[in-house]
Protein backbone atom coordinates (compact mmCIF):
# COMPACT_ATOMS: atom_id res chain seq x y z
CA MET A 1 109.15 124.51 107.33
CA ALA A 2 105.54 124.60 108.57
CA THR A 3 102.84 123.43 106.13
CA ASP A 4 99.05 123.36 106.28
CA ILE A 5 97.08 120.11 106.30
CA LEU A 6 94.03 120.87 104.13
CA MET A 7 90.54 119.48 104.12
CA PRO A 8 90.69 116.87 101.35
CA ALA A 9 88.16 116.40 98.56
CA LEU A 10 87.14 112.77 98.99
CA SER A 11 84.54 112.68 96.20
CA PRO A 12 83.87 114.68 93.05
CA THR A 13 80.69 116.11 94.54
CA MET A 14 82.24 117.10 97.87
CA THR A 15 82.47 120.84 98.61
CA GLU A 16 82.54 120.59 102.38
CA GLY A 17 82.57 117.95 105.10
CA THR A 18 82.54 117.30 108.82
CA LEU A 19 85.77 116.69 110.69
CA ALA A 20 84.32 113.87 112.70
CA ARG A 21 87.36 112.76 114.70
CA TRP A 22 91.08 113.39 115.03
CA LEU A 23 93.12 110.18 115.17
CA LYS A 24 96.32 112.11 116.11
CA ARG A 25 96.90 114.70 118.81
CA GLU A 26 98.97 117.87 118.91
CA GLY A 27 102.63 116.89 119.37
CA ASP A 28 102.29 113.49 117.70
CA ARG A 29 104.82 112.53 115.07
CA ILE A 30 103.18 111.81 111.71
CA ALA A 31 104.60 109.76 108.80
CA ALA A 32 103.28 109.78 105.25
CA GLY A 33 100.46 107.28 105.06
CA ASP A 34 99.45 107.52 108.71
CA LEU A 35 95.73 107.79 109.38
CA ILE A 36 95.21 111.23 110.92
CA ALA A 37 91.46 111.94 110.92
CA GLU A 38 87.97 110.70 110.10
CA ILE A 39 86.05 112.91 107.65
CA GLU A 40 82.30 112.66 107.16
CA THR A 41 81.43 113.47 103.55
CA ASP A 42 78.23 113.45 101.52
CA LYS A 43 78.83 109.74 100.89
CA ALA A 44 80.38 108.14 103.99
CA THR A 45 82.75 108.58 106.91
CA MET A 46 86.28 107.88 105.72
CA GLU A 47 89.75 107.84 107.23
CA VAL A 48 92.27 110.33 105.83
CA GLU A 49 95.95 109.59 105.31
CA ALA A 50 98.78 112.04 105.81
CA VAL A 51 100.71 112.97 102.66
CA ASP A 52 103.69 114.55 104.43
CA GLU A 53 105.70 113.77 107.56
CA GLY A 54 106.43 115.91 110.58
CA ILE A 55 104.96 116.90 113.94
CA LEU A 56 101.28 117.75 114.32
CA GLY A 57 101.94 121.25 115.70
CA ARG A 58 98.44 122.64 115.94
CA ILE A 59 94.87 121.41 115.31
CA VAL A 60 93.04 124.28 113.63
CA VAL A 61 89.63 122.65 113.23
CA PRO A 62 88.35 120.76 116.31
CA GLU A 63 86.77 117.36 115.83
CA GLY A 64 83.02 117.49 115.34
CA THR A 65 83.18 120.72 113.32
CA GLU A 66 80.67 120.69 110.46
CA GLY A 67 80.74 122.55 107.15
CA VAL A 68 84.50 122.61 106.71
CA ALA A 69 85.24 123.72 103.13
CA VAL A 70 87.42 121.61 100.88
CA ASN A 71 91.04 122.86 100.87
CA ALA A 72 90.51 124.83 104.10
CA PRO A 73 93.41 124.44 106.61
CA ILE A 74 92.49 121.93 109.33
CA ALA A 75 95.89 121.55 111.01
CA ILE A 76 99.51 122.74 110.91
CA LEU A 77 102.44 120.34 110.38
CA VAL A 78 105.92 121.41 111.54
CA GLU A 79 109.40 119.95 111.52
CA GLU A 80 111.15 118.69 114.63
CA GLY A 81 112.10 121.65 116.83
CA GLU A 82 110.30 124.21 114.68
CA ALA A 83 108.10 126.83 116.33
CA VAL A 84 104.43 126.33 115.74
CA PRO A 85 102.83 129.28 113.84
CA ASP A 86 99.94 131.06 115.47
CA ALA A 87 97.82 130.68 112.33
CA PRO A 88 97.73 128.48 109.21
CA VAL A 89 100.56 129.21 106.82
CA GLY A 90 98.13 130.17 104.07
CA GLN A 91 96.34 132.78 106.18
CA ALA A 92 97.35 136.16 107.55
CA LYS A 93 98.34 136.07 111.21
CA ALA A 94 95.44 138.19 112.39
CA PRO A 95 94.73 138.32 116.14
CA ALA A 96 91.21 136.93 115.58
CA ALA A 97 92.65 133.82 113.91
CA THR A 98 95.11 133.38 116.77
CA ALA A 99 92.33 133.66 119.34
CA GLU A 100 90.21 131.12 117.49
CA ILE A 101 93.06 128.60 117.32
CA ALA A 102 94.07 129.16 120.92
CA ALA A 103 90.52 128.52 122.18
CA PRO A 104 89.03 125.71 120.09
CA SER A 105 86.38 125.10 122.75
CA ALA A 106 85.00 128.67 122.49
CA PRO A 107 81.32 129.03 121.52
CA GLN A 108 82.26 130.02 117.99
CA ALA A 109 83.80 126.61 117.36
CA THR A 110 80.71 124.78 118.54
CA GLN A 111 77.92 127.00 117.36
CA LYS A 112 77.06 124.59 114.52
CA ASP A 113 76.35 121.75 116.93
CA THR A 114 72.74 120.72 116.76
CA PRO A 115 70.71 118.69 119.20
CA VAL A 116 69.82 115.20 118.16
CA VAL A 117 66.48 115.30 119.99
CA GLN A 118 64.80 118.47 121.10
CA THR A 119 62.97 117.50 124.27
CA GLY A 120 63.59 120.63 126.33
CA LYS A 121 67.27 119.86 126.88
CA ARG A 122 69.86 120.67 124.26
CA ILE A 123 72.14 117.76 123.51
CA VAL A 124 75.51 118.72 122.01
CA ALA A 125 77.23 115.79 120.26
CA SER A 126 79.71 115.26 117.44
CA PRO A 127 78.33 114.00 114.13
CA LEU A 128 80.22 110.71 114.53
CA ALA A 129 78.77 110.21 118.01
CA ARG A 130 75.28 110.87 116.65
CA ARG A 131 75.76 108.35 113.84
CA ILE A 132 77.08 105.63 116.17
CA ALA A 133 74.28 106.31 118.66
CA ARG A 134 71.58 106.03 115.95
CA GLN A 135 73.07 102.80 114.67
CA ALA A 136 73.31 101.26 118.17
CA GLY A 137 69.98 102.61 119.46
CA VAL A 138 71.61 104.64 122.25
CA ALA A 139 69.64 107.55 123.64
CA LEU A 140 72.05 110.49 123.73
CA GLU A 141 70.08 112.28 126.46
CA ASN A 142 71.31 109.51 128.77
CA VAL A 143 74.98 109.79 127.78
CA LYS A 144 77.33 112.00 129.78
CA GLY A 145 79.60 114.01 127.48
CA THR A 146 83.32 114.27 128.28
CA GLY A 147 84.27 116.49 125.37
CA PRO A 148 84.72 120.27 125.43
CA ARG A 149 81.82 122.00 127.20
CA GLY A 150 80.14 118.66 127.93
CA ARG A 151 80.03 117.58 124.25
CA VAL A 152 79.15 113.93 123.67
CA VAL A 153 81.92 112.32 121.62
CA ARG A 154 82.56 108.87 120.23
CA ARG A 155 84.14 107.41 123.39
CA ASP A 156 81.12 108.45 125.43
CA VAL A 157 78.70 106.56 123.17
CA GLU A 158 80.96 103.49 123.08
CA LYS A 159 81.12 103.54 126.92
CA ALA A 160 77.31 103.73 127.08
CA MET A 161 77.01 100.82 124.64
CA ALA A 162 79.23 98.69 126.86
CA ALA A 163 77.36 99.54 130.07
CA PRO A 164 74.36 97.45 131.16
CA THR A 165 71.01 99.06 130.25
CA PRO A 166 69.24 100.24 133.42
CA THR A 167 65.55 99.62 133.91
CA PRO A 168 63.84 102.99 133.50
CA ALA A 169 61.91 104.21 136.55
CA PRO A 170 58.18 104.83 136.00
CA LYS A 171 57.44 108.44 135.18
CA PRO A 172 55.42 110.31 137.81
CA ALA A 173 51.91 111.29 136.88
CA ALA A 174 51.59 114.82 135.57
CA PRO A 175 49.91 117.22 138.00
CA THR A 176 46.32 118.09 137.19
CA ALA A 177 47.12 121.77 136.75
CA ALA A 178 50.03 121.19 134.39
CA PRO A 179 50.01 123.50 131.35
CA VAL A 180 49.20 122.05 127.93
CA ALA A 181 52.39 121.14 126.04
CA ASP A 182 53.28 123.19 123.00
CA VAL A 183 52.71 121.43 119.65
CA ALA A 184 56.45 121.75 118.93
CA ASP A 185 57.15 119.41 121.87
CA ASP A 186 55.41 116.60 120.01
CA VAL A 187 57.89 116.75 117.14
CA THR A 188 61.35 115.20 117.12
CA ARG A 189 63.65 117.13 114.87
CA VAL A 190 66.61 115.20 113.48
CA PRO A 191 68.95 117.36 111.34
CA ASN A 192 69.56 115.96 107.87
CA SER A 193 73.02 114.57 107.46
CA SER A 194 75.22 115.53 104.51
CA MET A 195 74.50 112.16 102.95
CA ARG A 196 70.74 112.54 103.31
CA LYS A 197 70.85 115.98 101.67
CA VAL A 198 72.87 114.63 98.73
CA ILE A 199 70.55 111.63 98.32
CA ALA A 200 67.55 113.97 98.24
CA ARG A 201 69.19 116.24 95.71
CA ARG A 202 70.45 113.52 93.39
CA LEU A 203 67.25 111.50 93.35
CA SER A 204 65.17 114.60 92.75
CA GLU A 205 67.42 115.58 89.85
CA SER A 206 67.16 112.01 88.48
CA LYS A 207 63.38 111.92 88.49
CA GLN A 208 63.07 115.47 87.14
CA ASN A 209 65.76 115.30 84.43
CA VAL A 210 65.94 111.61 83.41
CA PRO A 211 62.90 110.23 81.48
CA HIS A 212 62.39 106.91 83.24
CA PHE A 213 60.49 104.02 81.76
CA TYR A 214 59.94 100.63 83.35
CA VAL A 215 59.80 97.05 82.15
CA SER A 216 58.76 94.19 84.49
CA MET A 217 58.98 90.42 84.11
CA ASP A 218 58.31 87.46 86.36
CA VAL A 219 61.39 85.25 86.73
CA GLU A 220 61.35 81.66 88.01
CA LEU A 221 64.08 80.96 90.55
CA ASP A 222 63.87 77.21 91.26
CA ALA A 223 66.76 76.20 88.98
CA LEU A 224 68.95 78.95 90.34
CA LEU A 225 68.12 78.02 93.94
CA ALA A 226 68.93 74.37 93.24
CA LEU A 227 72.30 75.32 91.72
CA ARG A 228 73.07 77.54 94.68
CA ALA A 229 72.37 74.74 97.11
CA GLN A 230 74.63 72.35 95.13
CA LEU A 231 77.48 74.86 94.97
CA ASN A 232 77.28 75.75 98.66
CA ALA A 233 77.22 72.05 99.57
CA ALA A 234 80.51 71.71 97.68
CA SER A 235 82.20 74.39 99.80
CA PRO A 236 84.83 73.24 102.30
CA ALA A 237 83.51 73.20 105.85
CA GLU A 238 86.24 75.60 106.95
CA GLY A 239 89.47 77.17 105.81
CA GLU A 240 90.50 79.60 103.12
CA GLY A 241 88.45 77.96 100.38
CA GLN A 242 85.18 78.19 102.25
CA PHE A 243 82.35 80.18 100.62
CA LYS A 244 78.59 80.68 100.85
CA LEU A 245 76.88 82.08 97.81
CA SER A 246 73.83 84.30 98.18
CA VAL A 247 71.04 84.67 95.68
CA ASN A 248 72.11 88.27 95.22
CA ASP A 249 75.65 87.14 94.23
CA MET A 250 74.13 85.02 91.49
CA LEU A 251 71.79 87.77 90.30
CA ILE A 252 74.75 90.20 90.04
CA LYS A 253 76.49 87.71 87.76
CA ALA A 254 73.29 87.17 85.76
CA ALA A 255 72.85 90.93 85.28
CA ALA A 256 76.46 91.28 84.19
CA LEU A 257 76.14 88.45 81.62
CA ALA A 258 72.91 90.01 80.30
CA LEU A 259 74.78 93.33 79.87
CA ARG A 260 77.46 91.50 77.93
CA GLN A 261 74.77 89.93 75.71
CA VAL A 262 72.85 93.26 75.32
CA PRO A 263 75.59 95.89 75.67
CA GLY A 264 73.34 98.77 74.57
CA VAL A 265 72.08 99.00 78.20
CA ASN A 266 75.63 99.37 79.60
CA VAL A 267 75.72 103.06 78.67
CA SER A 268 75.45 106.66 79.85
CA PHE A 269 73.72 109.55 78.04
CA THR A 270 75.31 112.94 77.54
CA GLU A 271 74.02 115.86 75.48
CA SER A 272 76.57 115.31 72.77
CA GLU A 273 77.08 111.55 72.79
CA THR A 274 76.17 108.23 74.39
CA LEU A 275 78.99 106.55 76.25
CA HIS A 276 79.29 102.77 75.77
CA TYR A 277 81.31 101.11 78.53
CA ARG A 278 83.67 98.21 77.86
CA ASP A 279 83.76 97.14 81.50
CA ILE A 280 80.61 95.89 83.28
CA ASP A 281 80.75 97.36 86.77
CA ILE A 282 77.70 96.57 88.91
CA SER A 283 76.72 98.98 91.67
CA MET A 284 74.87 97.40 94.63
CA ALA A 285 72.44 99.50 96.63
CA VAL A 286 73.41 99.00 100.31
CA SER A 287 71.40 100.42 103.20
CA ILE A 288 73.44 102.17 105.89
CA PRO A 289 72.29 104.19 108.95
CA ASP A 290 72.35 107.59 107.22
CA GLY A 291 70.84 106.45 103.90
CA LEU A 292 72.32 104.24 101.19
CA ILE A 293 75.53 103.80 99.29
CA THR A 294 76.36 101.89 96.09
CA PRO A 295 79.64 99.94 96.32
CA ILE A 296 80.77 98.51 92.98
CA VAL A 297 81.62 94.97 91.90
CA ARG A 298 84.07 95.76 89.11
CA GLN A 299 84.12 93.62 85.91
CA ALA A 300 81.38 91.41 87.34
CA ASP A 301 81.01 89.55 84.03
CA ARG A 302 84.61 88.31 84.30
CA LYS A 303 84.45 87.24 87.94
CA SER A 304 83.44 83.79 89.17
CA LEU A 305 80.49 83.45 91.52
CA ARG A 306 82.94 82.79 94.33
CA GLU A 307 84.88 85.98 93.54
CA ILE A 308 81.68 88.03 93.32
CA SER A 309 80.51 86.64 96.67
CA ALA A 310 83.78 87.47 98.44
CA THR A 311 83.93 90.93 96.86
CA ALA A 312 80.29 91.76 97.65
CA LYS A 313 80.55 90.63 101.31
CA ASP A 314 83.69 92.70 101.84
CA LEU A 315 82.21 95.82 100.21
CA ILE A 316 78.95 95.57 102.16
CA LYS A 317 80.77 95.10 105.48
CA ARG A 318 83.02 98.08 104.90
CA ALA A 319 80.16 100.21 103.52
CA ARG A 320 78.23 99.80 106.78
CA ALA A 321 81.34 100.59 108.78
CA GLY A 322 82.04 103.71 106.70
CA LYS A 323 85.37 102.34 105.51
CA LEU A 324 84.97 102.39 101.73
CA LYS A 325 87.48 104.25 99.53
CA PRO A 326 86.01 106.77 97.08
CA GLU A 327 86.86 104.63 94.03
CA GLU A 328 84.92 101.73 95.57
CA PHE A 329 81.56 103.53 95.37
CA GLN A 330 82.04 106.14 92.65
CA GLY A 331 81.31 105.13 89.08
CA GLY A 332 79.72 101.92 88.01
CA SER A 333 77.85 101.31 84.74
CA PHE A 334 74.63 99.64 86.00
CA SER A 335 72.88 99.21 89.39
CA ILE A 336 70.97 96.50 91.25
CA SER A 337 68.60 97.23 94.15
CA ASN A 338 67.44 94.05 95.95
CA MET A 339 64.61 94.33 98.49
CA GLY A 340 63.65 90.71 98.34
CA MET A 341 64.76 90.12 101.91
CA PHE A 342 61.98 92.48 103.05
CA GLY A 343 59.25 90.50 101.34
CA VAL A 344 58.59 93.23 98.76
CA LYS A 345 56.34 91.92 95.95
CA GLU A 346 57.30 94.50 93.33
CA PHE A 347 58.91 97.97 93.11
CA ALA A 348 60.59 100.34 90.66
CA ALA A 349 63.94 101.93 91.49
CA ILE A 350 65.20 105.43 90.62
CA ILE A 351 68.11 105.52 88.16
CA ASN A 352 71.48 106.42 89.57
CA PRO A 353 72.94 108.98 87.09
CA PRO A 354 74.93 108.92 84.94
CA GLN A 355 74.04 105.28 84.60
CA ALA A 356 71.22 104.42 82.23
CA GLY A 357 69.70 101.47 84.06
CA ILE A 358 68.90 99.97 87.47
CA LEU A 359 67.27 96.59 88.19
CA ALA A 360 64.80 96.32 91.06
CA ILE A 361 64.61 92.80 92.51
CA ALA A 362 61.63 91.76 94.63
CA ALA A 363 61.06 88.71 96.82
CA GLY A 364 60.87 85.20 95.47
CA GLU A 365 57.59 83.52 96.45
CA LYS A 366 55.64 80.40 95.58
CA ARG A 367 53.17 81.20 92.77
CA ALA A 368 50.93 79.24 90.45
CA VAL A 369 52.36 79.13 86.92
CA VAL A 370 51.04 77.61 83.68
CA ARG A 371 53.25 75.14 81.79
CA GLY A 372 51.59 74.03 78.62
CA ASN A 373 48.04 73.34 79.70
CA GLU A 374 48.95 72.39 83.26
CA LEU A 375 49.14 74.38 86.46
CA ALA A 376 52.33 74.11 88.51
CA ILE A 377 53.97 75.75 91.52
CA ALA A 378 57.20 77.69 91.11
CA THR A 379 59.31 80.14 93.08
CA VAL A 380 58.85 83.41 91.18
CA MET A 381 60.21 86.94 91.63
CA THR A 382 59.25 90.10 89.80
CA ALA A 383 62.17 92.02 88.36
CA THR A 384 61.66 95.59 87.15
CA LEU A 385 64.14 97.40 84.95
CA SER A 386 64.24 101.21 85.07
CA VAL A 387 66.07 102.77 82.16
CA ASP A 388 66.92 106.23 80.79
CA HIS A 389 64.77 106.55 77.67
CA ARG A 390 67.22 109.05 76.16
CA ALA A 391 69.82 106.29 75.81
CA VAL A 392 67.78 103.07 75.85
CA ASP A 393 64.63 102.45 73.79
CA GLY A 394 61.75 100.30 74.99
CA ALA A 395 62.52 97.29 72.76
CA LEU A 396 66.16 97.27 73.92
CA GLY A 397 65.14 97.39 77.58
CA ALA A 398 62.77 94.47 77.03
CA GLU A 399 65.49 92.54 75.18
CA TRP A 400 67.88 92.99 78.10
CA LEU A 401 65.34 91.92 80.71
CA ASN A 402 64.43 88.89 78.63
CA ALA A 403 68.14 87.96 78.48
CA PHE A 404 68.39 88.36 82.25
CA ARG A 405 65.37 86.09 82.78
CA ASP A 406 66.74 83.39 80.49
CA ILE A 407 70.09 83.35 82.33
CA VAL A 408 68.42 83.09 85.74
CA GLN A 409 66.08 80.35 84.60
CA ASN A 410 68.97 78.45 82.92
CA PRO A 411 71.74 79.21 85.45
CA TYR A 412 74.38 76.88 84.07
CA ARG A 413 75.74 79.95 82.23
CA LEU A 414 76.74 81.40 85.59
CA VAL A 415 79.38 78.72 86.07
CA VAL A 416 80.67 77.99 82.58
C-alpha cells in the first residue's frame, strides 16, 4: 500500500525547512534506517532516515526546494509491483497536483530560488550548493549548473572545487561614454538563511526579554597551561590512547566543577518556577558558515579531561559538517563562548534561553600583576559571566565566577 514520506520535524522550533538534496532516486529500494535526504533546518543541515521500507515511487518535492512545511508530503513510497499514485496519498488527486508532480522542473517548483549574488546575471543554485560554495570560497557565477533549468547543485560546486583555479583575465577599461551604474549595483544581496533568521530572532528575544547582568574577573592561566603541557606530554605518540588537550577542554571542565560547587547557576527561569538541573550539560558556541551552533558536552562534571577533549573535538567536527543529531545541540544547562583564539581582550555574551548563564572567555595574554608588594608577569584572561537576573542574583553570580577562577588557578581539581 502506498504511503507518504513526510517532511520531518528535526527540532522543536522547526516549522519548515529546505529539502537540500535527495540521497535516493525514484525507483530505488529503501530499507528502514536508510539515509534518504538532506534537510536544511533552522539549526543545521541533517541527514534523514527512512522509517518504512519499500520502493521510492515518486519524489514530490524536488531537491533545493525551500519553505517545505513540516509534515508536508515530500515523496511517495510504494510496495514492489504497486502502481505509483499520481498524487500524495494524503491529498486529493487533483489535476493540478498531478501536473506539478509530473513536471518538477517547471517554473513553479523553482520560483523560490534566489540568486546568491546579484551582479546583473541571476544565479540559480540549491541552498546546499550555496552553503558549500560560501564555505569553500567558490564564486557561483563561474560554476556551470547541470541541474534542472541550469540550476547549480552540489556536484557542480564540488567539481569546481576540484578544478584548478584559472588566472582571471584583466577587465577591459570601461568606455568613456558608459552610463553611470545604478546604486543598487554596488550592493551584494545575500538572502538570510533559515539559521541566520532564527539566530536573529532568538538573540533579539533574549536581549529584550531576559534581564542580563554581567560579572567580570581576571583569571591567571599559568598553572593551568603548565598542567596542560604535562598532560599532553604524557600522551602516547600514536595509537588509540593518543590525546591532545586544549585550553578550552580544561575550561569546560572548570566551568562544570564550578556549577557543581555553586548549583544555583545551573538553572532555568519560568514564570511559575525555577528549574534546577541535576545534570551539568555544557553548550559550546561553535562558529559555522551560516552562523553558530551550540553542541553539548553532556555531564561534563563527570567526564575526565580526556573524555571531554574527545567529545568536544567530535562534536565540533560534525557541527561544521552539518552532521549533528538534534539531541546533540538542543538543551544544555549552561554555555561557554570562547573567542580567545581571535585575540579578543574582553566581551560579554548573550544568554542562550532557557539557560540562565553563559561564560565569555577572552584571550590569555601576558600582564603585570601585583603579588604582595611585588610586580610580576602572568598569563591572564578576562572571563565575563552573563546571567539571567530573574533566576540568579548578583552575589550568586559573583560566587560562581570566583569558584571558576579558583579552579582554573588551582587546576589539580580538574584531574582528581
